[in-house]
N, C-alpha and C. Protein backbone atom coordinates (compact mmCIF):
# COMPACT_ATOMS: atom_id res chain seq x y z
N MET A 1 34.31 -9.09 61.49
CA MET A 1 35.58 -9.84 61.50
C MET A 1 35.53 -10.96 62.52
N LYS A 2 34.94 -10.65 63.68
CA LYS A 2 34.84 -11.67 64.73
C LYS A 2 33.98 -12.83 64.28
N GLU A 3 32.84 -12.51 63.60
CA GLU A 3 31.96 -13.56 63.11
C GLU A 3 32.66 -14.42 62.06
N THR A 4 33.48 -13.80 61.24
CA THR A 4 34.22 -14.53 60.22
C THR A 4 35.17 -15.53 60.86
N LYS A 5 35.88 -15.09 61.90
CA LYS A 5 36.81 -15.97 62.58
C LYS A 5 36.08 -17.14 63.25
N ILE A 6 34.91 -16.83 63.82
CA ILE A 6 34.13 -17.88 64.47
C ILE A 6 33.66 -18.91 63.44
N GLN A 7 33.20 -18.41 62.27
CA GLN A 7 32.73 -19.31 61.21
C GLN A 7 33.87 -20.16 60.68
N ASP A 8 35.03 -19.52 60.43
CA ASP A 8 36.19 -20.26 59.93
C ASP A 8 36.64 -21.32 60.93
N ARG A 9 36.62 -20.95 62.23
CA ARG A 9 37.01 -21.91 63.26
C ARG A 9 36.02 -23.08 63.32
N SER A 10 34.74 -22.76 63.12
CA SER A 10 33.71 -23.80 63.12
C SER A 10 33.92 -24.77 61.97
N ASN A 11 34.24 -24.23 60.77
CA ASN A 11 34.50 -25.09 59.61
C ASN A 11 35.72 -25.97 59.84
N ALA A 12 36.76 -25.36 60.43
CA ALA A 12 37.99 -26.11 60.69
C ALA A 12 37.75 -27.22 61.70
N GLU A 13 36.98 -26.90 62.75
CA GLU A 13 36.68 -27.90 63.77
C GLU A 13 35.84 -29.04 63.19
N ARG A 14 34.93 -28.70 62.28
CA ARG A 14 34.12 -29.74 61.64
C ARG A 14 35.00 -30.66 60.81
N ASP A 15 35.96 -30.09 60.06
CA ASP A 15 36.88 -30.90 59.27
C ASP A 15 37.69 -31.83 60.16
N VAL A 16 38.12 -31.30 61.30
CA VAL A 16 38.91 -32.12 62.23
C VAL A 16 38.06 -33.27 62.77
N ARG A 17 36.80 -32.99 63.11
CA ARG A 17 35.92 -34.04 63.63
C ARG A 17 35.68 -35.13 62.59
N VAL A 18 35.47 -34.70 61.35
CA VAL A 18 35.26 -35.68 60.28
C VAL A 18 36.52 -36.50 60.06
N LEU A 19 37.67 -35.83 60.10
CA LEU A 19 38.94 -36.52 59.90
C LEU A 19 39.19 -37.54 60.99
N ARG A 20 38.83 -37.20 62.23
CA ARG A 20 39.04 -38.12 63.34
C ARG A 20 38.12 -39.34 63.24
N ARG A 21 36.89 -39.11 62.69
CA ARG A 21 35.96 -40.22 62.56
C ARG A 21 36.34 -41.14 61.41
N THR A 22 37.11 -40.62 60.47
CA THR A 22 37.48 -41.41 59.30
C THR A 22 38.58 -42.39 59.63
N LYS A 23 38.28 -43.67 59.44
CA LYS A 23 39.26 -44.70 59.76
C LYS A 23 40.43 -44.65 58.78
N HIS A 24 40.14 -44.36 57.55
CA HIS A 24 41.18 -44.29 56.53
C HIS A 24 41.34 -42.84 56.09
N LYS A 25 42.43 -42.23 56.49
CA LYS A 25 42.65 -40.82 56.19
C LYS A 25 42.70 -40.56 54.69
N ALA A 26 43.11 -41.59 53.93
CA ALA A 26 43.19 -41.44 52.48
C ALA A 26 41.81 -41.16 51.88
N LEU A 27 40.75 -41.72 52.50
CA LEU A 27 39.41 -41.50 52.00
C LEU A 27 38.99 -40.04 52.19
N TYR A 28 39.42 -39.46 53.30
CA TYR A 28 39.12 -38.05 53.56
C TYR A 28 39.82 -37.17 52.51
N VAL A 29 41.07 -37.47 52.24
CA VAL A 29 41.84 -36.72 51.24
C VAL A 29 41.19 -36.87 49.87
N LEU A 30 40.79 -38.10 49.55
CA LEU A 30 40.14 -38.35 48.26
C LEU A 30 38.85 -37.56 48.14
N ALA A 31 38.06 -37.55 49.21
CA ALA A 31 36.80 -36.80 49.20
C ALA A 31 37.06 -35.31 48.97
N LYS A 32 38.09 -34.80 49.61
CA LYS A 32 38.40 -33.37 49.47
C LYS A 32 38.86 -33.05 48.04
N ILE A 33 39.64 -33.94 47.45
CA ILE A 33 40.10 -33.74 46.07
C ILE A 33 38.91 -33.72 45.12
N ILE A 34 37.98 -34.67 45.32
CA ILE A 34 36.79 -34.74 44.47
C ILE A 34 36.00 -33.44 44.56
N ARG A 35 35.84 -32.93 45.78
CA ARG A 35 35.10 -31.69 45.98
C ARG A 35 35.78 -30.51 45.27
N VAL A 36 37.10 -30.47 45.35
CA VAL A 36 37.84 -29.34 44.78
C VAL A 36 37.79 -29.35 43.25
N VAL A 37 37.97 -30.52 42.65
CA VAL A 37 38.06 -30.58 41.18
C VAL A 37 36.69 -30.58 40.50
N THR A 38 35.62 -30.63 41.30
CA THR A 38 34.28 -30.62 40.70
C THR A 38 33.47 -29.41 41.17
N VAL A 39 34.15 -28.31 41.43
CA VAL A 39 33.44 -27.09 41.80
C VAL A 39 32.59 -26.64 40.60
N PRO A 40 31.48 -25.93 40.84
CA PRO A 40 30.55 -25.56 39.77
C PRO A 40 31.18 -24.91 38.52
N PRO A 41 32.11 -23.95 38.63
CA PRO A 41 32.69 -23.37 37.41
C PRO A 41 33.40 -24.40 36.55
N VAL A 42 34.07 -25.36 37.18
CA VAL A 42 34.75 -26.42 36.43
C VAL A 42 33.73 -27.29 35.72
N MET A 43 32.61 -27.58 36.40
CA MET A 43 31.57 -28.40 35.80
C MET A 43 30.93 -27.70 34.59
N VAL A 44 30.70 -26.40 34.71
CA VAL A 44 30.14 -25.64 33.59
C VAL A 44 31.12 -25.61 32.42
N GLY A 45 32.39 -25.36 32.73
CA GLY A 45 33.41 -25.35 31.69
C GLY A 45 33.51 -26.68 30.98
N THR A 46 33.43 -27.76 31.74
CA THR A 46 33.48 -29.10 31.15
C THR A 46 32.27 -29.35 30.26
N LEU A 47 31.09 -28.92 30.74
CA LEU A 47 29.88 -29.05 29.92
C LEU A 47 30.02 -28.33 28.59
N ILE A 48 30.53 -27.11 28.62
CA ILE A 48 30.69 -26.32 27.39
C ILE A 48 31.68 -27.00 26.44
N ILE A 49 32.78 -27.50 26.99
CA ILE A 49 33.78 -28.18 26.16
C ILE A 49 33.17 -29.42 25.51
N LEU A 50 32.43 -30.20 26.28
CA LEU A 50 31.81 -31.42 25.75
C LEU A 50 30.78 -31.10 24.66
N LEU A 51 29.96 -30.09 24.91
CA LEU A 51 28.95 -29.73 23.92
C LEU A 51 29.59 -29.18 22.65
N THR A 52 30.67 -28.44 22.81
CA THR A 52 31.38 -27.88 21.65
C THR A 52 32.05 -28.99 20.84
N THR A 53 32.60 -29.97 21.55
CA THR A 53 33.36 -31.04 20.91
C THR A 53 32.46 -32.11 20.28
N LEU A 54 31.41 -32.49 20.99
CA LEU A 54 30.59 -33.63 20.58
C LEU A 54 29.29 -33.26 19.87
N ARG A 55 28.94 -31.98 19.89
CA ARG A 55 27.74 -31.53 19.17
C ARG A 55 28.11 -30.34 18.28
N THR A 56 27.43 -30.24 17.15
CA THR A 56 27.70 -29.12 16.24
C THR A 56 26.51 -28.16 16.16
N ASP A 57 25.46 -28.46 16.91
CA ASP A 57 24.24 -27.68 16.79
C ASP A 57 23.91 -26.86 18.04
N VAL A 58 24.88 -26.71 18.93
CA VAL A 58 24.61 -25.99 20.18
C VAL A 58 25.06 -24.53 20.08
N PHE A 59 26.35 -24.33 19.83
CA PHE A 59 26.91 -22.98 19.78
C PHE A 59 27.09 -22.51 18.34
N ALA A 60 26.63 -21.30 18.05
CA ALA A 60 26.77 -20.75 16.70
C ALA A 60 28.18 -20.25 16.44
N SER A 61 28.90 -19.92 17.53
CA SER A 61 30.25 -19.40 17.39
C SER A 61 31.03 -19.61 18.68
N PHE A 62 32.33 -19.39 18.62
CA PHE A 62 33.16 -19.50 19.81
C PHE A 62 32.78 -18.42 20.82
N GLY A 63 32.42 -17.25 20.31
CA GLY A 63 32.00 -16.16 21.18
C GLY A 63 30.76 -16.52 21.98
N GLN A 64 29.87 -17.28 21.38
CA GLN A 64 28.65 -17.70 22.08
C GLN A 64 28.98 -18.65 23.23
N SER A 65 29.96 -19.52 23.01
CA SER A 65 30.37 -20.42 24.09
C SER A 65 31.02 -19.64 25.23
N LEU A 66 31.76 -18.57 24.90
CA LEU A 66 32.37 -17.73 25.93
C LEU A 66 31.31 -16.97 26.72
N LEU A 67 30.28 -16.50 26.05
CA LEU A 67 29.20 -15.81 26.74
C LEU A 67 28.45 -16.77 27.68
N THR A 68 28.31 -18.00 27.24
CA THR A 68 27.68 -19.02 28.09
C THR A 68 28.51 -19.22 29.36
N LEU A 69 29.82 -19.29 29.18
CA LEU A 69 30.71 -19.44 30.33
C LEU A 69 30.61 -18.23 31.25
N LEU A 70 30.49 -17.05 30.67
CA LEU A 70 30.37 -15.82 31.46
C LEU A 70 29.12 -15.83 32.34
N PHE A 71 27.98 -16.12 31.73
CA PHE A 71 26.72 -16.08 32.46
C PHE A 71 26.57 -17.20 33.48
N LEU A 72 27.03 -18.38 33.12
CA LEU A 72 26.78 -19.55 33.98
C LEU A 72 27.89 -19.86 34.97
N ALA A 73 29.08 -19.33 34.74
CA ALA A 73 30.19 -19.66 35.64
C ALA A 73 30.90 -18.43 36.21
N ILE A 74 31.30 -17.53 35.35
CA ILE A 74 32.15 -16.42 35.80
C ILE A 74 31.38 -15.46 36.72
N ILE A 75 30.18 -15.07 36.32
CA ILE A 75 29.41 -14.14 37.15
C ILE A 75 29.10 -14.73 38.53
N PRO A 76 28.61 -15.99 38.62
CA PRO A 76 28.37 -16.56 39.95
C PRO A 76 29.62 -16.68 40.81
N VAL A 77 30.76 -17.06 40.21
CA VAL A 77 31.96 -17.28 41.01
C VAL A 77 32.58 -15.97 41.48
N MET A 78 32.16 -14.85 40.90
CA MET A 78 32.66 -13.54 41.33
C MET A 78 32.23 -13.22 42.76
N ALA A 79 31.29 -14.00 43.29
CA ALA A 79 30.84 -13.78 44.66
C ALA A 79 32.00 -13.91 45.65
N TYR A 80 32.94 -14.76 45.37
CA TYR A 80 34.02 -15.03 46.32
C TYR A 80 35.02 -13.88 46.41
N PRO A 81 35.53 -13.35 45.28
CA PRO A 81 36.41 -12.17 45.43
C PRO A 81 35.66 -10.93 45.90
N ILE A 82 34.41 -10.78 45.45
CA ILE A 82 33.63 -9.60 45.84
C ILE A 82 33.34 -9.62 47.34
N SER A 83 32.99 -10.79 47.87
CA SER A 83 32.65 -10.90 49.30
C SER A 83 33.83 -10.53 50.19
N SER A 84 35.05 -10.77 49.70
CA SER A 84 36.23 -10.44 50.50
C SER A 84 36.53 -8.94 50.51
N MET A 85 35.88 -8.20 49.59
CA MET A 85 36.13 -6.76 49.50
C MET A 85 35.04 -5.92 50.16
N ILE A 86 33.93 -6.55 50.53
CA ILE A 86 32.83 -5.83 51.17
C ILE A 86 32.78 -6.23 52.63
N PRO A 87 33.13 -5.32 53.55
CA PRO A 87 33.23 -5.65 54.98
C PRO A 87 31.98 -6.30 55.57
N SER A 88 30.80 -5.80 55.22
CA SER A 88 29.57 -6.33 55.81
C SER A 88 29.32 -7.78 55.41
N ILE A 89 29.72 -8.12 54.19
CA ILE A 89 29.57 -9.51 53.72
C ILE A 89 30.69 -10.38 54.26
N LYS A 90 31.89 -9.82 54.28
CA LYS A 90 33.04 -10.55 54.78
C LYS A 90 32.85 -10.93 56.24
N ALA A 91 32.20 -10.07 57.00
CA ALA A 91 31.98 -10.32 58.43
C ALA A 91 31.08 -11.53 58.67
N LYS A 92 30.28 -11.88 57.68
CA LYS A 92 29.37 -13.03 57.81
C LYS A 92 30.01 -14.35 57.43
N GLY A 93 31.26 -14.30 56.97
CA GLY A 93 31.98 -15.52 56.65
C GLY A 93 31.37 -16.30 55.50
N ARG A 94 31.35 -17.63 55.62
CA ARG A 94 30.85 -18.49 54.57
C ARG A 94 29.37 -18.23 54.26
N GLU A 95 28.60 -17.89 55.28
CA GLU A 95 27.18 -17.62 55.06
C GLU A 95 27.01 -16.41 54.14
N GLY A 96 27.83 -15.39 54.35
CA GLY A 96 27.79 -14.21 53.48
C GLY A 96 28.18 -14.54 52.06
N GLN A 97 29.21 -15.39 51.91
CA GLN A 97 29.64 -15.82 50.59
C GLN A 97 28.53 -16.58 49.87
N ARG A 98 27.90 -17.51 50.59
CA ARG A 98 26.84 -18.31 49.99
C ARG A 98 25.66 -17.45 49.54
N ASN A 99 25.28 -16.48 50.38
CA ASN A 99 24.16 -15.61 50.03
C ASN A 99 24.48 -14.76 48.79
N LEU A 100 25.70 -14.22 48.75
CA LEU A 100 26.09 -13.42 47.59
C LEU A 100 26.20 -14.29 46.34
N ALA A 101 26.71 -15.51 46.50
CA ALA A 101 26.83 -16.43 45.37
C ALA A 101 25.45 -16.74 44.80
N PHE A 102 24.47 -16.89 45.68
CA PHE A 102 23.11 -17.17 45.22
C PHE A 102 22.56 -15.98 44.42
N VAL A 103 22.79 -14.77 44.93
CA VAL A 103 22.31 -13.56 44.25
C VAL A 103 22.97 -13.42 42.88
N LEU A 104 24.29 -13.60 42.84
CA LEU A 104 25.01 -13.46 41.57
C LEU A 104 24.66 -14.59 40.60
N SER A 105 24.37 -15.76 41.14
CA SER A 105 23.92 -16.86 40.28
C SER A 105 22.60 -16.49 39.61
N LEU A 106 21.70 -15.94 40.39
CA LEU A 106 20.41 -15.51 39.85
C LEU A 106 20.60 -14.45 38.78
N ILE A 107 21.51 -13.50 39.05
CA ILE A 107 21.79 -12.45 38.06
C ILE A 107 22.39 -13.05 36.79
N GLY A 108 23.38 -13.94 36.97
CA GLY A 108 24.03 -14.55 35.83
C GLY A 108 23.08 -15.40 35.00
N TYR A 109 22.29 -16.23 35.67
CA TYR A 109 21.36 -17.11 34.95
C TYR A 109 20.25 -16.32 34.27
N ALA A 110 19.75 -15.28 34.95
CA ALA A 110 18.72 -14.44 34.34
C ALA A 110 19.29 -13.69 33.13
N GLY A 111 20.53 -13.19 33.28
CA GLY A 111 21.18 -12.52 32.17
C GLY A 111 21.37 -13.46 30.99
N GLY A 112 21.75 -14.69 31.30
CA GLY A 112 21.91 -15.69 30.24
C GLY A 112 20.60 -15.98 29.53
N MET A 113 19.51 -16.03 30.30
CA MET A 113 18.20 -16.31 29.71
C MET A 113 17.77 -15.16 28.81
N ILE A 114 18.00 -13.94 29.25
CA ILE A 114 17.66 -12.76 28.44
C ILE A 114 18.47 -12.77 27.14
N TYR A 115 19.77 -13.09 27.27
CA TYR A 115 20.62 -13.16 26.08
C TYR A 115 20.12 -14.24 25.12
N ALA A 116 19.77 -15.41 25.67
CA ALA A 116 19.32 -16.53 24.84
C ALA A 116 18.08 -16.16 24.03
N VAL A 117 17.14 -15.48 24.68
CA VAL A 117 15.91 -15.08 23.99
C VAL A 117 16.19 -14.00 22.96
N ALA A 118 16.99 -13.00 23.37
CA ALA A 118 17.29 -11.88 22.47
C ALA A 118 18.10 -12.32 21.25
N ALA A 119 19.04 -13.22 21.47
CA ALA A 119 19.92 -13.67 20.38
C ALA A 119 19.33 -14.82 19.59
N ARG A 120 18.20 -15.34 20.04
CA ARG A 120 17.56 -16.48 19.38
C ARG A 120 18.55 -17.62 19.17
N VAL A 121 19.10 -18.06 20.26
CA VAL A 121 20.10 -19.13 20.20
C VAL A 121 19.44 -20.44 19.79
N SER A 122 20.26 -21.44 19.55
CA SER A 122 19.75 -22.75 19.14
C SER A 122 18.88 -23.36 20.24
N GLU A 123 18.03 -24.31 19.86
CA GLU A 123 17.18 -24.98 20.85
C GLU A 123 17.98 -25.65 21.96
N PRO A 124 19.07 -26.38 21.61
CA PRO A 124 19.87 -27.00 22.69
C PRO A 124 20.42 -25.97 23.68
N LEU A 125 20.92 -24.85 23.16
CA LEU A 125 21.49 -23.84 24.05
C LEU A 125 20.39 -23.16 24.87
N MET A 126 19.21 -23.00 24.27
CA MET A 126 18.08 -22.45 25.01
C MET A 126 17.73 -23.37 26.19
N ILE A 127 17.82 -24.68 25.96
CA ILE A 127 17.55 -25.64 27.03
C ILE A 127 18.60 -25.51 28.14
N VAL A 128 19.85 -25.30 27.75
CA VAL A 128 20.92 -25.13 28.74
C VAL A 128 20.64 -23.91 29.62
N PHE A 129 20.42 -22.77 28.99
CA PHE A 129 20.16 -21.54 29.75
C PHE A 129 18.88 -21.66 30.58
N GLY A 130 17.84 -22.23 29.98
CA GLY A 130 16.58 -22.38 30.67
C GLY A 130 16.68 -23.29 31.89
N THR A 131 17.46 -24.34 31.77
CA THR A 131 17.65 -25.27 32.88
C THR A 131 18.32 -24.58 34.06
N TYR A 132 19.36 -23.81 33.78
CA TYR A 132 20.05 -23.10 34.85
C TYR A 132 19.15 -22.03 35.48
N PHE A 133 18.42 -21.30 34.65
CA PHE A 133 17.56 -20.24 35.17
C PHE A 133 16.43 -20.80 36.03
N LEU A 134 15.77 -21.85 35.54
CA LEU A 134 14.68 -22.44 36.31
C LEU A 134 15.17 -23.14 37.57
N SER A 135 16.38 -23.70 37.50
CA SER A 135 16.90 -24.43 38.66
C SER A 135 17.06 -23.52 39.88
N VAL A 136 17.49 -22.29 39.67
CA VAL A 136 17.66 -21.38 40.80
C VAL A 136 16.30 -20.96 41.35
N ILE A 137 15.29 -20.90 40.49
CA ILE A 137 13.92 -20.59 40.94
C ILE A 137 13.36 -21.77 41.74
N VAL A 138 13.53 -22.97 41.22
CA VAL A 138 13.06 -24.18 41.91
C VAL A 138 13.76 -24.32 43.25
N LEU A 139 15.06 -24.03 43.27
CA LEU A 139 15.84 -24.11 44.51
C LEU A 139 15.32 -23.12 45.55
N THR A 140 14.96 -21.92 45.08
CA THR A 140 14.41 -20.90 45.98
C THR A 140 13.07 -21.36 46.57
N ILE A 141 12.23 -21.93 45.72
CA ILE A 141 10.93 -22.42 46.18
C ILE A 141 11.12 -23.52 47.22
N MET A 142 12.06 -24.43 46.96
CA MET A 142 12.31 -25.51 47.90
C MET A 142 12.75 -24.98 49.26
N ASN A 143 13.68 -24.03 49.25
CA ASN A 143 14.26 -23.53 50.50
C ASN A 143 13.38 -22.51 51.22
N LYS A 144 12.68 -21.66 50.46
CA LYS A 144 11.95 -20.56 51.08
C LYS A 144 10.44 -20.82 51.23
N VAL A 145 9.88 -21.60 50.31
CA VAL A 145 8.43 -21.83 50.34
C VAL A 145 8.10 -23.19 50.96
N ILE A 146 8.67 -24.25 50.37
CA ILE A 146 8.42 -25.60 50.90
C ILE A 146 9.17 -25.81 52.22
N ARG A 147 10.22 -25.05 52.42
CA ARG A 147 11.02 -25.11 53.64
C ARG A 147 11.77 -26.43 53.81
N VAL A 148 12.32 -26.93 52.70
CA VAL A 148 13.24 -28.06 52.81
C VAL A 148 14.64 -27.53 52.50
N ARG A 149 15.61 -28.07 53.17
CA ARG A 149 16.99 -27.61 52.94
C ARG A 149 17.55 -28.32 51.71
N ALA A 150 17.61 -27.58 50.61
CA ALA A 150 18.12 -28.12 49.35
C ALA A 150 19.48 -27.52 49.06
N SER A 151 20.45 -28.35 48.78
CA SER A 151 21.83 -27.90 48.57
C SER A 151 22.00 -27.20 47.23
N GLY A 152 22.48 -25.96 47.26
CA GLY A 152 22.79 -25.24 46.04
C GLY A 152 23.96 -25.86 45.30
N HIS A 153 24.91 -26.40 46.07
CA HIS A 153 26.06 -27.06 45.44
C HIS A 153 25.60 -28.29 44.67
N ALA A 154 24.71 -29.08 45.27
CA ALA A 154 24.20 -30.27 44.59
C ALA A 154 23.46 -29.89 43.32
N CYS A 155 22.70 -28.80 43.39
CA CYS A 155 21.97 -28.32 42.21
C CYS A 155 22.93 -27.95 41.09
N SER A 156 24.00 -27.24 41.43
CA SER A 156 24.96 -26.80 40.42
C SER A 156 25.78 -27.95 39.86
N ILE A 157 25.83 -29.07 40.57
CA ILE A 157 26.52 -30.26 40.07
C ILE A 157 25.58 -31.09 39.20
N ALA A 158 24.33 -31.25 39.68
CA ALA A 158 23.36 -32.07 38.96
C ALA A 158 22.96 -31.42 37.63
N GLY A 159 23.04 -30.09 37.55
CA GLY A 159 22.67 -29.39 36.32
C GLY A 159 23.48 -29.83 35.12
N PRO A 160 24.80 -29.61 35.14
CA PRO A 160 25.61 -30.01 33.99
C PRO A 160 25.62 -31.52 33.76
N ILE A 161 25.54 -32.31 34.84
CA ILE A 161 25.49 -33.76 34.67
C ILE A 161 24.20 -34.17 33.96
N GLY A 162 23.07 -33.55 34.35
CA GLY A 162 21.80 -33.84 33.69
C GLY A 162 21.82 -33.44 32.22
N LEU A 163 22.42 -32.29 31.92
CA LEU A 163 22.49 -31.83 30.54
C LEU A 163 23.38 -32.73 29.69
N VAL A 164 24.46 -33.24 30.27
CA VAL A 164 25.32 -34.19 29.56
C VAL A 164 24.53 -35.45 29.23
N CYS A 165 23.77 -35.94 30.22
CA CYS A 165 22.96 -37.14 30.00
C CYS A 165 21.90 -36.90 28.93
N TYR A 166 21.38 -35.69 28.86
CA TYR A 166 20.32 -35.36 27.90
C TYR A 166 20.85 -35.21 26.48
N PHE A 167 22.01 -34.59 26.33
CA PHE A 167 22.49 -34.24 25.00
C PHE A 167 23.51 -35.21 24.39
N LEU A 168 24.25 -35.93 25.22
CA LEU A 168 25.41 -36.66 24.72
C LEU A 168 25.20 -38.18 24.71
N PRO A 169 26.10 -38.92 24.06
CA PRO A 169 25.97 -40.37 23.90
C PRO A 169 25.93 -41.12 25.23
N PRO A 170 25.44 -42.37 25.21
CA PRO A 170 25.30 -43.19 26.42
C PRO A 170 26.57 -43.33 27.25
N VAL A 171 27.72 -43.39 26.60
CA VAL A 171 28.96 -43.55 27.36
C VAL A 171 29.18 -42.35 28.28
N CYS A 172 28.77 -41.17 27.84
CA CYS A 172 28.89 -39.97 28.67
C CYS A 172 27.93 -40.03 29.85
N ILE A 173 26.77 -40.69 29.64
CA ILE A 173 25.80 -40.84 30.72
C ILE A 173 26.38 -41.68 31.84
N VAL A 174 27.00 -42.79 31.47
CA VAL A 174 27.59 -43.70 32.46
C VAL A 174 28.67 -42.99 33.26
N ILE A 175 29.55 -42.29 32.56
CA ILE A 175 30.63 -41.55 33.23
C ILE A 175 30.06 -40.47 34.15
N SER A 176 29.05 -39.75 33.65
CA SER A 176 28.45 -38.67 34.42
C SER A 176 27.79 -39.18 35.70
N LEU A 177 27.07 -40.29 35.60
CA LEU A 177 26.41 -40.85 36.77
C LEU A 177 27.43 -41.34 37.80
N CYS A 178 28.53 -41.92 37.32
CA CYS A 178 29.61 -42.33 38.24
C CYS A 178 30.20 -41.12 38.94
N LEU A 179 30.36 -40.04 38.19
CA LEU A 179 30.90 -38.80 38.77
C LEU A 179 29.94 -38.24 39.82
N TYR A 180 28.65 -38.30 39.52
CA TYR A 180 27.65 -37.81 40.48
C TYR A 180 27.72 -38.59 41.79
N VAL A 181 27.82 -39.90 41.68
CA VAL A 181 27.91 -40.75 42.88
C VAL A 181 29.15 -40.39 43.69
N ALA A 182 30.27 -40.14 43.00
CA ALA A 182 31.52 -39.78 43.68
C ALA A 182 31.37 -38.45 44.42
N ILE A 183 30.74 -37.46 43.78
CA ILE A 183 30.55 -36.15 44.41
C ILE A 183 29.58 -36.25 45.58
N PHE A 184 28.54 -37.03 45.40
CA PHE A 184 27.56 -37.27 46.47
C PHE A 184 28.26 -37.86 47.69
N TRP A 185 29.06 -38.88 47.45
CA TRP A 185 29.79 -39.53 48.56
C TRP A 185 30.74 -38.55 49.23
N ALA A 186 31.50 -37.79 48.43
CA ALA A 186 32.49 -36.86 48.98
C ALA A 186 31.82 -35.79 49.84
N SER A 187 30.70 -35.25 49.38
CA SER A 187 30.01 -34.19 50.11
C SER A 187 29.46 -34.69 51.44
N VAL A 188 28.85 -35.87 51.42
CA VAL A 188 28.29 -36.44 52.65
C VAL A 188 29.40 -36.90 53.59
N HIS A 189 30.45 -37.50 53.01
CA HIS A 189 31.56 -38.02 53.81
C HIS A 189 32.26 -36.89 54.58
N MET A 190 32.38 -35.74 53.94
CA MET A 190 33.05 -34.61 54.58
C MET A 190 32.11 -33.79 55.46
N GLY A 191 30.85 -34.16 55.49
CA GLY A 191 29.89 -33.43 56.32
C GLY A 191 29.46 -32.10 55.74
N ARG A 192 29.71 -31.88 54.46
CA ARG A 192 29.30 -30.61 53.83
C ARG A 192 27.78 -30.56 53.65
N HIS A 193 27.19 -31.73 53.39
CA HIS A 193 25.74 -31.82 53.22
C HIS A 193 25.26 -33.13 53.83
N THR A 194 23.99 -33.13 54.22
CA THR A 194 23.36 -34.39 54.61
C THR A 194 22.84 -35.06 53.33
N VAL A 195 22.49 -36.31 53.44
CA VAL A 195 21.94 -37.03 52.29
C VAL A 195 20.69 -36.33 51.79
N LYS A 196 19.83 -35.93 52.71
CA LYS A 196 18.57 -35.27 52.35
C LYS A 196 18.82 -33.95 51.63
N GLU A 197 19.73 -33.14 52.14
CA GLU A 197 20.03 -31.85 51.51
C GLU A 197 20.55 -32.04 50.09
N PHE A 198 21.43 -33.02 49.93
CA PHE A 198 22.04 -33.25 48.62
C PHE A 198 21.00 -33.77 47.63
N VAL A 199 20.15 -34.67 48.07
CA VAL A 199 19.12 -35.23 47.19
C VAL A 199 18.13 -34.16 46.75
N TRP A 200 17.64 -33.35 47.69
CA TRP A 200 16.71 -32.28 47.35
C TRP A 200 17.35 -31.29 46.38
N GLY A 201 18.61 -30.92 46.64
CA GLY A 201 19.30 -30.00 45.74
C GLY A 201 19.48 -30.59 44.36
N SER A 202 19.77 -31.87 44.30
CA SER A 202 19.96 -32.55 43.02
C SER A 202 18.67 -32.60 42.21
N LEU A 203 17.54 -32.77 42.88
CA LEU A 203 16.25 -32.90 42.18
C LEU A 203 15.86 -31.62 41.45
N SER A 204 16.33 -30.48 41.92
CA SER A 204 15.92 -29.22 41.31
C SER A 204 16.38 -29.11 39.86
N SER A 205 17.53 -29.69 39.54
CA SER A 205 18.06 -29.58 38.17
C SER A 205 17.31 -30.45 37.16
N PRO A 206 17.11 -31.75 37.41
CA PRO A 206 16.35 -32.54 36.44
C PRO A 206 14.90 -32.06 36.26
N LEU A 207 14.30 -31.57 37.34
CA LEU A 207 12.95 -30.99 37.22
C LEU A 207 12.97 -29.79 36.28
N SER A 208 13.98 -28.94 36.44
CA SER A 208 14.12 -27.76 35.59
C SER A 208 14.43 -28.15 34.15
N LEU A 209 15.27 -29.16 33.96
CA LEU A 209 15.61 -29.63 32.62
C LEU A 209 14.38 -30.18 31.91
N ALA A 210 13.60 -30.99 32.60
CA ALA A 210 12.41 -31.58 32.00
C ALA A 210 11.40 -30.50 31.60
N LEU A 211 11.20 -29.53 32.47
CA LEU A 211 10.25 -28.45 32.19
C LEU A 211 10.73 -27.58 31.04
N THR A 212 12.02 -27.25 31.06
CA THR A 212 12.59 -26.41 29.99
C THR A 212 12.51 -27.10 28.64
N ALA A 213 12.91 -28.36 28.60
CA ALA A 213 12.89 -29.12 27.35
C ALA A 213 11.47 -29.20 26.78
N ALA A 214 10.49 -29.41 27.67
CA ALA A 214 9.08 -29.49 27.23
C ALA A 214 8.63 -28.15 26.66
N LEU A 215 8.99 -27.05 27.33
CA LEU A 215 8.58 -25.72 26.86
C LEU A 215 9.22 -25.37 25.54
N VAL A 216 10.52 -25.70 25.38
CA VAL A 216 11.23 -25.39 24.13
C VAL A 216 10.63 -26.16 22.98
N VAL A 217 10.30 -27.41 23.20
CA VAL A 217 9.70 -28.23 22.14
C VAL A 217 8.31 -27.72 21.76
N LEU A 218 7.52 -27.36 22.77
CA LEU A 218 6.16 -26.91 22.52
C LEU A 218 6.10 -25.53 21.86
N LEU A 219 7.06 -24.67 22.26
CA LEU A 219 7.05 -23.31 21.74
C LEU A 219 7.89 -23.16 20.48
């Protein structure tokens, strides 16, 4: 409990420092709004809606789109309510939440990959699941093996944006890239990530997408 309070106080103090450095308080508020409305579950949900609306060859049924949402969004986000119910994780504050979120993301993405193979989903949907599954592996290699600090948040943002650029018309690409720039600015402006952390995290998703797409086409 004490560690949680210290971590929360540290986050609050960091926000205050950033706010004091910001000449225009409206920019700080704007950055915070961008961060809130582009959290990973919202991005996954938006991706599913766009693929359902603009493509007819991705999901075989509405139930399949719901299962995609379950594996890629709902299971990972369960880390936050679960962490508040487990004292040992709660005591670690945000660090405990992040670690649990990573574990549940791995479980969700792996479960989605198993489902995709077992259900023999469409090639586009296989690419979606494969991209998410490989991205968490690439992210682990970056952070644990190569020892570069790669942002998991950036990875979870770059994933759906990369998939939109891959599957949807050019106008969606332009909008997606503008959104990426806005999220990048908001994260760095608020001090949530450094430029290097965000860039490394972002790279994990397109690398995973390229590898997955190549494997699906070849196999």
